[in-house]
Every structure is written in C-alpha cells, then in structure tokens.
Protein backbone atom coordinates (compact mmCIF):
# COMPACT_ATOMS: atom_id res chain seq x y z
CA MET A 1 0.00 0.00 0.00
CA VAL A 2 1.39 3.37 -1.00
CA ALA A 3 0.35 6.64 0.64
CA TRP A 4 1.98 9.87 -0.42
CA PRO A 5 2.19 12.98 1.75
CA ALA A 6 0.87 16.23 0.35
CA PRO A 7 3.55 18.70 -0.78
CA ALA A 8 4.21 21.29 1.91
CA SER A 9 4.73 24.35 -0.28
CA ALA A 10 1.96 26.94 -0.38
CA SER A 11 0.84 29.43 -3.00
CA ARG A 12 0.27 33.15 -2.40
CA ASP A 13 -3.29 32.55 -1.21
CA GLY A 14 -2.03 30.11 1.43
CA ALA A 15 -3.34 27.00 -0.34
CA SER A 16 -0.95 24.37 -1.55
CA PRO A 17 -0.56 23.77 -5.29
CA LEU A 18 -1.87 20.26 -4.62
CA ARG A 19 -5.11 21.68 -3.22
CA HIS A 20 -5.62 23.66 -6.45
CA GLN A 21 -4.84 20.59 -8.56
CA LEU A 22 -7.28 18.42 -6.60
CA HIS A 23 -10.00 21.06 -6.97
CA ALA A 24 -9.48 21.09 -10.75
CA LEU A 25 -9.50 17.27 -10.79
CA ARG A 26 -12.80 17.10 -8.89
CA LYS A 27 -14.35 19.68 -11.17
CA ALA A 28 -13.22 17.81 -14.31
CA THR A 29 -14.34 14.39 -13.10
CA ALA A 30 -17.63 15.29 -11.42
CA LYS A 31 -19.50 14.32 -14.59
CA PHE A 32 -18.34 10.72 -14.13
CA HIS A 33 -20.68 10.25 -11.18
CA ASN A 34 -23.02 9.35 -14.04
CA ILE A 35 -21.80 6.00 -15.41
CA LYS A 36 -23.29 6.88 -18.82
CA ALA A 37 -20.88 9.82 -19.05
CA THR A 38 -18.03 7.47 -18.20
CA LEU A 39 -19.03 5.11 -21.02
CA ARG A 40 -19.50 8.03 -23.45
CA SER A 41 -15.93 9.09 -22.64
CA GLY A 42 -14.65 5.84 -24.18
CA ARG A 43 -13.99 4.12 -20.87
CA VAL A 44 -15.26 0.57 -20.53
CA ASP A 45 -15.85 -1.82 -17.65
CA LEU A 46 -12.52 -3.63 -17.30
CA HIS A 47 -14.21 -6.31 -15.17
CA LEU A 48 -11.48 -5.59 -12.67
CA CYS A 49 -13.00 -5.27 -9.24
CA VAL A 50 -10.60 -5.20 -6.30
CA ASP A 51 -11.71 -5.51 -2.68
CA GLN A 52 -11.28 -2.22 -0.79
CA MET A 53 -10.74 -0.46 -4.10
CA GLY A 54 -13.66 -1.01 -6.46
CA GLN A 55 -14.64 -1.56 -10.06
CA HIS A 56 -12.45 0.01 -12.73
CA PHE A 57 -13.69 1.68 -15.90
CA ALA A 58 -10.94 2.80 -18.28
CA ASP A 59 -9.84 3.05 -21.88
CA PRO A 60 -6.96 0.54 -22.00
CA THR A 61 -5.67 2.04 -25.25
CA THR A 62 -4.57 5.12 -23.28
CA PHE A 63 -2.33 3.12 -20.92
CA SER A 64 0.49 3.15 -23.48
CA ASP A 65 -0.05 6.56 -25.10
CA GLY A 66 2.59 8.20 -22.90
CA VAL A 67 0.19 10.95 -21.80
CA LEU A 68 -0.77 11.46 -18.17
CA ASP A 69 -3.28 14.28 -17.77
CA PRO A 70 -3.84 15.70 -14.27
CA VAL A 71 -7.56 16.30 -14.94
CA ASP A 72 -8.30 13.35 -17.22
CA PRO A 73 -7.10 10.16 -15.50
CA GLU A 74 -7.21 6.92 -17.44
CA ALA A 75 -9.56 5.17 -15.00
CA MET A 76 -12.59 5.94 -12.90
CA VAL A 77 -13.03 3.66 -9.87
CA TYR A 78 -16.49 2.82 -8.54
CA GLU A 79 -17.68 1.25 -5.34
CA ASP A 80 -20.42 -1.34 -5.92
CA ARG A 81 -23.25 -0.28 -3.62
CA GLY A 82 -25.40 -3.32 -4.50
CA ASN A 83 -28.31 -3.76 -6.89
CA GLY A 84 -26.11 -2.58 -9.76
CA HIS A 85 -25.59 0.87 -8.23
CA LEU A 86 -22.05 2.14 -8.71
CA ARG A 87 -20.66 5.15 -6.83
CA LEU A 88 -17.58 7.02 -8.08
CA VAL A 89 -14.97 6.95 -5.31
CA ALA A 90 -11.57 7.46 -6.94
CA VAL A 91 -9.65 8.15 -10.10
CA GLU A 92 -6.54 6.37 -11.26
CA TRP A 93 -3.70 7.29 -13.58
CA VAL A 94 -2.34 4.27 -15.45
CA SER A 95 0.70 3.89 -17.69
CA THR A 96 2.91 1.20 -19.18
CA THR A 97 5.94 3.33 -18.29
CA PRO A 98 7.04 5.19 -15.13
CA GLY A 99 5.77 8.70 -14.64
CA ASP A 100 4.51 11.15 -12.07
CA MET A 101 1.31 12.96 -11.36
CA LEU A 102 0.52 15.84 -9.02
CA GLY A 103 4.21 15.94 -8.10
CA MET A 104 4.33 12.31 -6.99
CA PRO A 105 5.62 9.22 -8.79
CA LEU A 106 3.35 6.48 -10.05
CA HIS A 107 4.25 3.10 -8.57
CA PHE A 108 4.51 -0.25 -10.31
CA ASN A 109 1.68 -2.67 -9.63
CA PRO A 110 3.01 -6.16 -10.42
CA ASP A 111 -0.50 -7.68 -10.32
CA VAL A 112 -1.51 -5.78 -13.46
CA GLY A 113 1.97 -4.99 -14.85
CA LEU A 114 1.30 -1.25 -14.98
CA TRP A 115 2.39 1.98 -13.30
CA VAL A 116 -0.51 3.44 -11.31
CA MET A 117 -1.62 6.06 -8.82
CA HIS A 118 -5.05 6.46 -7.21
CA ALA A 119 -6.58 9.65 -5.90
CA TRP A 120 -9.50 9.12 -3.50
CA ILE A 121 -11.19 12.40 -4.36
CA TRP A 122 -14.78 11.19 -3.99
CA LYS A 123 -14.53 9.02 -0.85
CA SER A 124 -12.36 9.86 2.13
CA ASN A 125 -9.57 7.37 2.76
CA PRO A 126 -8.11 7.04 6.27
CA ASP A 127 -4.95 5.56 4.71
CA GLY A 128 -4.38 8.71 2.65
CA MET A 129 -5.54 10.39 -0.53
CA PHE A 130 -3.09 8.45 -2.71
CA ALA A 131 -3.14 5.01 -1.06
CA ASP A 132 -3.99 2.04 -3.28
CA MET A 133 -6.63 0.58 -1.02
CA ASN A 134 -9.41 2.27 0.93
CA PRO A 135 -10.76 0.34 3.95
CA ARG A 136 -13.99 2.36 3.66
CA VAL A 137 -14.74 0.69 0.31
CA GLY A 138 -16.32 -2.73 0.64
CA ASP A 139 -15.44 -5.99 -1.00
CA CYS A 140 -16.47 -6.83 -4.54
CA PRO A 141 -19.69 -8.79 -5.02
C-alpha cells in the first residue's frame, strides 16, 4: 500500500498547489458520477474489481499513449453499492511506463503490470488520498 504525503509548499493565497490541482481534478471528473458519461468518454468496464478499491472503468488504449493528464485520469473507480448501483470513489492514472502525477511518482503494480496512482477524491480514505486501497470501500460482489 502506497500513501503519499501532500507537498508542503503553499501558494500566495495560502493554499498548496496540490489543493488547487485536486480542486481542478474534482471539477473535471464530477460528470463521471453518471456511469453513462463514463461510457461516453470511451472508458469501458474492465471487469477488474478489487476488494477495498472497487470496479475500474478505463480506456486501456490510453495506458500506453505516454500521456498522463492531471484532470483526465485513465480510470474511474467505482464502489459497488449493491443492486447494480455504482458510486464514483476514486480516479486512477495508469501507464505502461514510469511517470509522475501531481508531483508524486506512479508506482509499479506487479498484479496488473502497470504503473498506477489512485486519488481518492470522492470518498475519504483514512490511509491517505493516494493510497492504493481504501478500507472504507467494501469488497467486490
């Protein structure tokens, strides 16, 4: 499990650059609370559900395009709330090569053979904003 500390530097208004980046990320991904918007974006159900993480919807063709966008992550991660109801809980940047996002390095996940980083921007995570797992997210059905 990886948890990254927030950068300590602050901007003129007293807020950290990370806070501004996370605000922009939330604003850009709010539309993905609607799963239809996620599917319209070209992301598909990867049928990859991980306990304490959730169900992943992504466009796997973008994993190797070499582009990591701070407001357009490759994957949206949903908690299965039962009865087919999915709730957006996190975003995930995914790459076939090392990289960094929001000033922090992606880490290699040997289970999927990819470089990844989660941001729990839609469900608080006691293990940290950038931890892989979130104990507040249940197990997969």
